[in-house]
């Protein structure tokens, strides 16, 4: 099992592909054993990708807490150093986008270009919705709330109108949650991540991110509302631009691979492979 001993934490990672180097930082509860896998996306054949389970999650160790967002950012930088990557492209998704901001702020020499997907700055820039409420729900109630958070169009009226489609989603999500049932120790690691996530706030430090940055999100994302991305773009002085993801929920999640989702992946590839001037 490929791991790196970073001192305070032993990180499980996977590395594959050829091309320009790309560090992928996953979201809340991220575990490389669970689909979808970044290596199977359109980015897989085009980059050398380094992905990892963050502290407290997956096959990475679970140090004693509490954890801070700075800890997560420093873990990313330490992993890059351990793998001999002086700098690279960085893509952070959801919670991973929050970590990527810390990485770019605390270790700017590590990040050549940055992609922030379905994430928020916290503070005055707006926070992503807390997941604590999900921990209080069980069964179908939990799955229903999670679907609503991922795509705000799935209200009661839509569920009634598209009952067959909703049933398929409900069964798929329920199966995924059963597969992801946690041991007490894994639950401790997940809780430590959620506690760190509650305190995420880079708003007053965004001006220090100087690398070219793509900010993308879903129009119907109830976890990281699109207005948070708009605030980020207005605040940051870095060369940055938005990606249109109309018709998608959180992180471009749809029941099928829509034209919009594929267009977003193509935009990510363009941003990470050639220079762009700041959007006006």
Protein backbone atom coordinates (compact mmCIF):
# COMPACT_ATOMS: atom_id res chain seq x y z
CA UNK A 1 0.00 0.00 0.00
CA UNK A 2 1.64 3.30 -1.09
CA UNK A 3 2.01 5.61 1.91
CA UNK A 4 4.16 8.57 2.93
CA UNK A 5 5.19 9.19 6.53
CA UNK A 6 4.81 12.94 6.98
CA UNK A 7 5.64 12.93 10.67
CA UNK A 8 2.32 13.68 12.34
CA UNK A 9 0.37 11.65 9.79
CA UNK A 10 0.94 8.71 7.44
CA UNK A 11 -0.78 9.50 4.14
CA UNK A 12 -2.15 6.95 1.68
CA UNK A 13 -1.77 8.14 -1.92
CA UNK A 14 -2.16 6.96 -5.50
CA UNK A 15 -0.15 8.27 -8.45
CA UNK A 16 -0.78 7.46 -12.10
CA UNK A 17 -0.76 8.87 -15.62
CA UNK A 18 1.61 10.86 -17.79
CA UNK A 19 1.79 14.52 -18.61
CA UNK A 20 1.91 17.66 -16.51
CA UNK A 21 1.72 17.01 -12.78
CA UNK A 22 -1.65 17.54 -11.06
CA UNK A 23 -2.39 17.25 -7.33
CA UNK A 24 -6.03 16.33 -6.69
CA UNK A 25 -7.48 17.18 -3.27
CA UNK A 26 -10.81 15.47 -2.56
CA UNK A 27 -13.85 16.61 -0.62
CA UNK A 28 -15.56 15.86 2.68
CA UNK A 29 -15.22 12.20 3.60
CA UNK A 30 -13.02 11.53 0.56
CA UNK A 31 -11.72 7.96 0.27
CA UNK A 32 -9.80 6.75 -2.79
CA UNK A 33 -11.52 3.37 -2.51
CA UNK A 34 -14.88 4.95 -3.37
CA UNK A 35 -16.08 5.93 -6.87
CA UNK A 36 -16.00 8.15 -8.80
CA UNK A 37 -12.21 8.08 -9.14
CA UNK A 38 -10.31 11.02 -10.59
CA UNK A 39 -8.18 8.61 -12.62
CA UNK A 40 -11.32 7.55 -14.54
CA UNK A 41 -12.33 11.11 -15.52
CA UNK A 42 -11.27 12.93 -18.72
CA UNK A 43 -8.27 14.24 -16.74
CA UNK A 44 -6.86 10.74 -16.23
CA UNK A 45 -5.17 10.22 -19.61
CA UNK A 46 -3.82 13.79 -19.80
CA UNK A 47 -1.98 14.35 -16.52
CA UNK A 48 0.25 12.64 -14.02
CA UNK A 49 -2.17 12.72 -11.10
CA UNK A 50 -1.29 12.50 -7.43
CA UNK A 51 -4.36 11.91 -5.22
CA UNK A 52 -4.50 11.05 -1.54
CA UNK A 53 -6.74 10.38 1.45
CA UNK A 54 -6.57 13.34 3.79
CA UNK A 55 -5.75 13.02 7.48
CA UNK A 56 -8.42 11.12 9.36
CA UNK A 57 -9.97 9.64 6.21
CA UNK A 58 -9.78 6.53 4.08
CA UNK A 59 -6.52 4.62 4.44
CA UNK A 60 -4.59 7.55 5.90
CA UNK A 61 -3.84 7.53 9.63
CA UNK A 62 -6.06 9.31 12.15
CA UNK A 63 -3.87 11.49 14.41
CA UNK A 64 -5.24 12.92 17.62
CA UNK A 65 -7.19 16.12 17.06
CA UNK A 66 -8.19 18.79 16.82
CA UNK A 67 -7.23 19.48 13.19
CA UNK A 68 -7.01 22.89 11.57
CA UNK A 69 -7.39 23.87 7.94
CA UNK A 70 -3.73 24.89 8.07
CA UNK A 71 -2.90 21.28 8.99
CA UNK A 72 -4.64 20.03 5.86
CA UNK A 73 -2.85 22.57 3.66
CA UNK A 74 0.51 21.69 5.19
CA UNK A 75 -0.19 17.97 4.63
CA UNK A 76 -0.58 18.67 0.90
CA UNK A 77 2.71 20.56 0.76
CA UNK A 78 4.51 17.84 2.73
CA UNK A 79 3.18 15.14 0.41
CA UNK A 80 4.43 17.06 -2.64
CA UNK A 81 7.87 17.39 -1.07
CA UNK A 82 7.93 13.69 -0.19
CA UNK A 83 7.10 12.75 -3.78
CA UNK A 84 9.74 15.12 -5.17
CA UNK A 85 7.25 17.53 -6.73
CA UNK A 86 8.59 21.07 -6.35
CA UNK A 87 5.44 22.59 -7.84
CA UNK A 88 2.42 21.44 -9.81
CA UNK A 89 -1.13 22.16 -10.89
CA UNK A 90 -3.60 21.82 -8.02
CA UNK A 91 -7.30 20.98 -8.18
CA UNK A 92 -9.45 21.00 -5.05
CA UNK A 93 -13.05 19.81 -4.96
CA UNK A 94 -15.51 20.98 -2.28
CA UNK A 95 -13.63 20.61 1.05
CA UNK A 96 -10.57 19.91 -1.09
CA UNK A 97 -11.01 23.38 -2.58
CA UNK A 98 -10.80 24.84 0.91
CA UNK A 99 -7.59 22.88 1.51
CA UNK A 100 -6.25 24.00 -1.87
CA UNK A 101 -6.77 27.62 -0.84
CA UNK A 102 -4.73 27.04 2.33
CA UNK A 103 -2.05 25.30 0.28
CA UNK A 104 -1.84 28.19 -2.20
CA UNK A 105 -1.75 30.77 0.61
CA UNK A 106 0.70 29.00 2.94
CA UNK A 107 2.90 27.38 0.27
CA UNK A 108 2.58 29.51 -2.89
CA UNK A 109 5.77 28.03 -4.35
CA UNK A 110 3.98 24.67 -4.64
CA UNK A 111 1.07 25.84 -6.81
CA UNK A 112 1.53 26.88 -10.45
CA UNK A 113 -2.16 26.98 -11.35
CA UNK A 114 -5.23 26.38 -9.25
CA UNK A 115 -8.70 24.92 -9.91
CA UNK A 116 -11.34 25.42 -7.21
CA UNK A 117 -14.49 23.35 -7.80
CA UNK A 118 -17.72 23.69 -5.80
CA UNK A 119 -16.10 25.39 -2.85
CA UNK A 120 -16.15 28.57 -0.75
CA UNK A 121 -13.78 30.98 0.95
CA UNK A 122 -15.69 31.11 4.21
CA UNK A 123 -15.93 34.30 6.23
CA UNK A 124 -17.49 37.28 4.46
CA UNK A 125 -17.23 35.39 1.17
CA UNK A 126 -19.83 32.86 2.28
CA UNK A 127 -19.46 29.37 3.69
CA UNK A 128 -20.36 26.00 2.28
CA UNK A 129 -23.31 24.44 4.08
CA UNK A 130 -22.29 22.53 7.25
CA UNK A 131 -22.74 18.76 7.14
CA UNK A 132 -23.36 18.40 10.87
CA UNK A 133 -27.11 18.14 10.33
CA UNK A 134 -26.66 15.03 8.18
CA UNK A 135 -25.11 13.22 11.11
CA UNK A 136 -28.39 13.64 13.00
CA UNK A 137 -30.45 11.99 10.24
CA UNK A 138 -30.79 8.33 9.35
CA UNK A 139 -32.11 6.21 6.51
CA UNK A 140 -34.22 7.76 3.77
CA UNK A 141 -34.42 11.11 5.57
CA UNK A 142 -30.64 11.44 5.41
CA UNK A 143 -30.46 10.44 1.75
CA UNK A 144 -33.29 12.81 0.81
CA UNK A 145 -31.59 15.73 2.53
CA UNK A 146 -28.26 14.89 0.90
CA UNK A 147 -29.86 14.86 -2.56
CA UNK A 148 -31.49 18.24 -1.87
CA UNK A 149 -28.13 19.66 -0.77
CA UNK A 150 -26.37 18.35 -3.88
CA UNK A 151 -29.02 19.70 -6.26
CA UNK A 152 -31.53 22.26 -4.99
CA UNK A 153 -34.03 21.45 -7.76
CA UNK A 154 -35.03 18.23 -5.96
CA UNK A 155 -37.75 19.76 -3.80
CA UNK A 156 -41.02 17.97 -2.91
CA UNK A 157 -42.72 19.02 -6.16
CA UNK A 158 -39.90 17.71 -8.34
CA UNK A 159 -39.72 14.46 -6.38
CA UNK A 160 -43.43 13.90 -6.98
CA UNK A 161 -43.26 14.86 -10.65
CA UNK A 162 -40.24 12.63 -11.37
CA UNK A 163 -40.91 9.85 -8.89
CA UNK A 164 -39.33 7.04 -10.93
CA UNK A 165 -36.09 8.98 -11.48
CA UNK A 166 -35.97 10.00 -7.84
CA UNK A 167 -36.44 6.39 -6.71
CA UNK A 168 -33.41 5.34 -8.75
CA UNK A 169 -31.33 8.14 -7.19
CA UNK A 170 -32.58 7.25 -3.71
CA UNK A 171 -31.63 3.60 -4.10
CA UNK A 172 -28.22 4.45 -5.54
CA UNK A 173 -27.42 6.91 -2.75
CA UNK A 174 -28.67 4.53 -0.08
CA UNK A 175 -26.42 1.78 -1.43
CA UNK A 176 -23.45 4.15 -1.45
CA UNK A 177 -24.08 5.11 2.18
CA UNK A 178 -24.33 1.45 3.21
CA UNK A 179 -20.98 0.77 1.54
CA UNK A 180 -19.50 3.74 3.38
CA UNK A 181 -20.65 2.74 6.87
CA UNK A 182 -17.88 3.67 9.29
CA UNK A 183 -16.14 2.06 12.20
CA UNK A 184 -15.99 4.12 15.41
CA UNK A 185 -12.39 5.09 14.62
CA UNK A 186 -13.23 6.16 11.06
CA UNK A 187 -16.19 8.15 12.42
CA UNK A 188 -13.78 9.94 14.75
CA UNK A 189 -11.60 10.97 11.81
CA UNK A 190 -14.61 12.17 9.82
CA UNK A 191 -15.85 14.21 12.79
CA UNK A 192 -12.44 15.86 13.16
CA UNK A 193 -12.56 16.87 9.49
CA UNK A 194 -16.04 18.37 9.86
CA UNK A 195 -14.91 20.36 12.89
CA UNK A 196 -11.96 21.81 10.98
CA UNK A 197 -14.26 22.55 8.03
CA UNK A 198 -16.54 24.64 10.26
CA UNK A 199 -13.68 27.07 10.90
CA UNK A 200 -12.55 27.48 7.27
CA UNK A 201 -12.00 31.14 6.40
CA UNK A 202 -9.53 32.42 3.80
CA UNK A 203 -11.50 35.56 2.87
CA UNK A 204 -9.05 38.07 4.35
CA UNK A 205 -6.08 36.21 2.82
CA UNK A 206 -7.31 35.70 -0.74
CA UNK A 207 -5.21 38.62 -1.94
CA UNK A 208 -2.10 36.52 -1.35
CA UNK A 209 -3.10 33.93 -3.98
CA UNK A 210 -1.24 35.06 -7.07
CA UNK A 211 -1.37 32.00 -9.34
CA UNK A 212 -3.89 31.78 -12.23
CA UNK A 213 -7.11 30.29 -10.86
CA UNK A 214 -10.23 28.70 -12.32
CA UNK A 215 -13.32 28.84 -10.09
CA UNK A 216 -16.17 26.53 -11.08
CA UNK A 217 -19.39 25.31 -9.51
CA UNK A 218 -22.94 24.15 -10.10
CA UNK A 219 -25.82 26.57 -10.61
CA UNK A 220 -28.04 24.42 -8.38
CA UNK A 221 -25.42 23.49 -5.83
CA UNK A 222 -26.91 23.72 -2.34
CA UNK A 223 -23.62 22.88 -0.60
CA UNK A 224 -21.39 25.60 -2.10
CA UNK A 225 -23.84 28.15 -3.53
CA UNK A 226 -22.73 29.75 -6.83
CA UNK A 227 -22.79 33.23 -5.27
CA UNK A 228 -19.82 32.14 -3.13
CA UNK A 229 -17.78 31.57 -6.30
CA UNK A 230 -18.85 34.99 -7.60
CA UNK A 231 -17.64 36.65 -4.40
CA UNK A 232 -14.34 34.79 -4.64
CA UNK A 233 -13.78 36.08 -8.17
CA UNK A 234 -14.53 39.67 -7.18
CA UNK A 235 -12.20 39.45 -4.18
CA UNK A 236 -9.13 37.73 -5.59
CA UNK A 237 -6.51 39.83 -7.43
CA UNK A 238 -5.08 36.70 -9.10
CA UNK A 239 -5.69 36.07 -12.81
CA UNK A 240 -8.96 34.16 -12.47
CA UNK A 241 -12.12 33.31 -14.36
CA UNK A 242 -15.34 31.36 -13.85
CA UNK A 243 -16.48 28.19 -15.59
CA UNK A 244 -20.13 27.88 -16.63
CA UNK A 245 -21.80 24.83 -15.12
CA UNK A 246 -25.44 25.66 -15.78
CA UNK A 247 -27.80 22.78 -15.14
CA UNK A 248 -25.61 20.96 -12.61
CA UNK A 249 -25.65 20.43 -8.89
CA UNK A 250 -22.74 20.06 -6.50
CA UNK A 251 -19.41 19.38 -8.27
CA UNK A 252 -21.23 18.89 -11.57
CA UNK A 253 -23.15 15.88 -10.22
CA UNK A 254 -25.88 14.84 -12.61
CA UNK A 255 -27.70 11.60 -13.27
CA UNK A 256 -25.77 11.33 -16.53
CA UNK A 257 -22.70 12.91 -18.09
CA UNK A 258 -24.29 16.01 -19.55
CA UNK A 259 -22.80 18.22 -22.24
CA UNK A 260 -22.30 20.87 -19.60
CA UNK A 261 -20.33 18.54 -17.32
CA UNK A 262 -18.04 17.48 -20.17
CA UNK A 263 -17.59 21.14 -21.14
CA UNK A 264 -16.47 21.90 -17.58
CA UNK A 265 -13.85 19.14 -17.72
CA UNK A 266 -12.59 20.50 -21.05
CA UNK A 267 -12.32 23.98 -19.51
CA UNK A 268 -10.25 22.57 -16.64
CA UNK A 269 -7.88 20.96 -19.14
CA UNK A 270 -7.48 24.21 -21.08
CA UNK A 271 -6.82 26.24 -17.94
CA UNK A 272 -4.20 23.83 -16.64
CA UNK A 273 -2.34 23.39 -19.90
CA UNK A 274 -1.90 26.84 -21.39
CA UNK A 275 -1.62 30.46 -20.25
CA UNK A 276 -4.71 32.62 -19.97
CA UNK A 277 -5.10 36.32 -19.36
CA UNK A 278 -7.32 37.60 -16.61
CA UNK A 279 -10.99 37.82 -17.54
CA UNK A 280 -12.38 41.35 -17.68
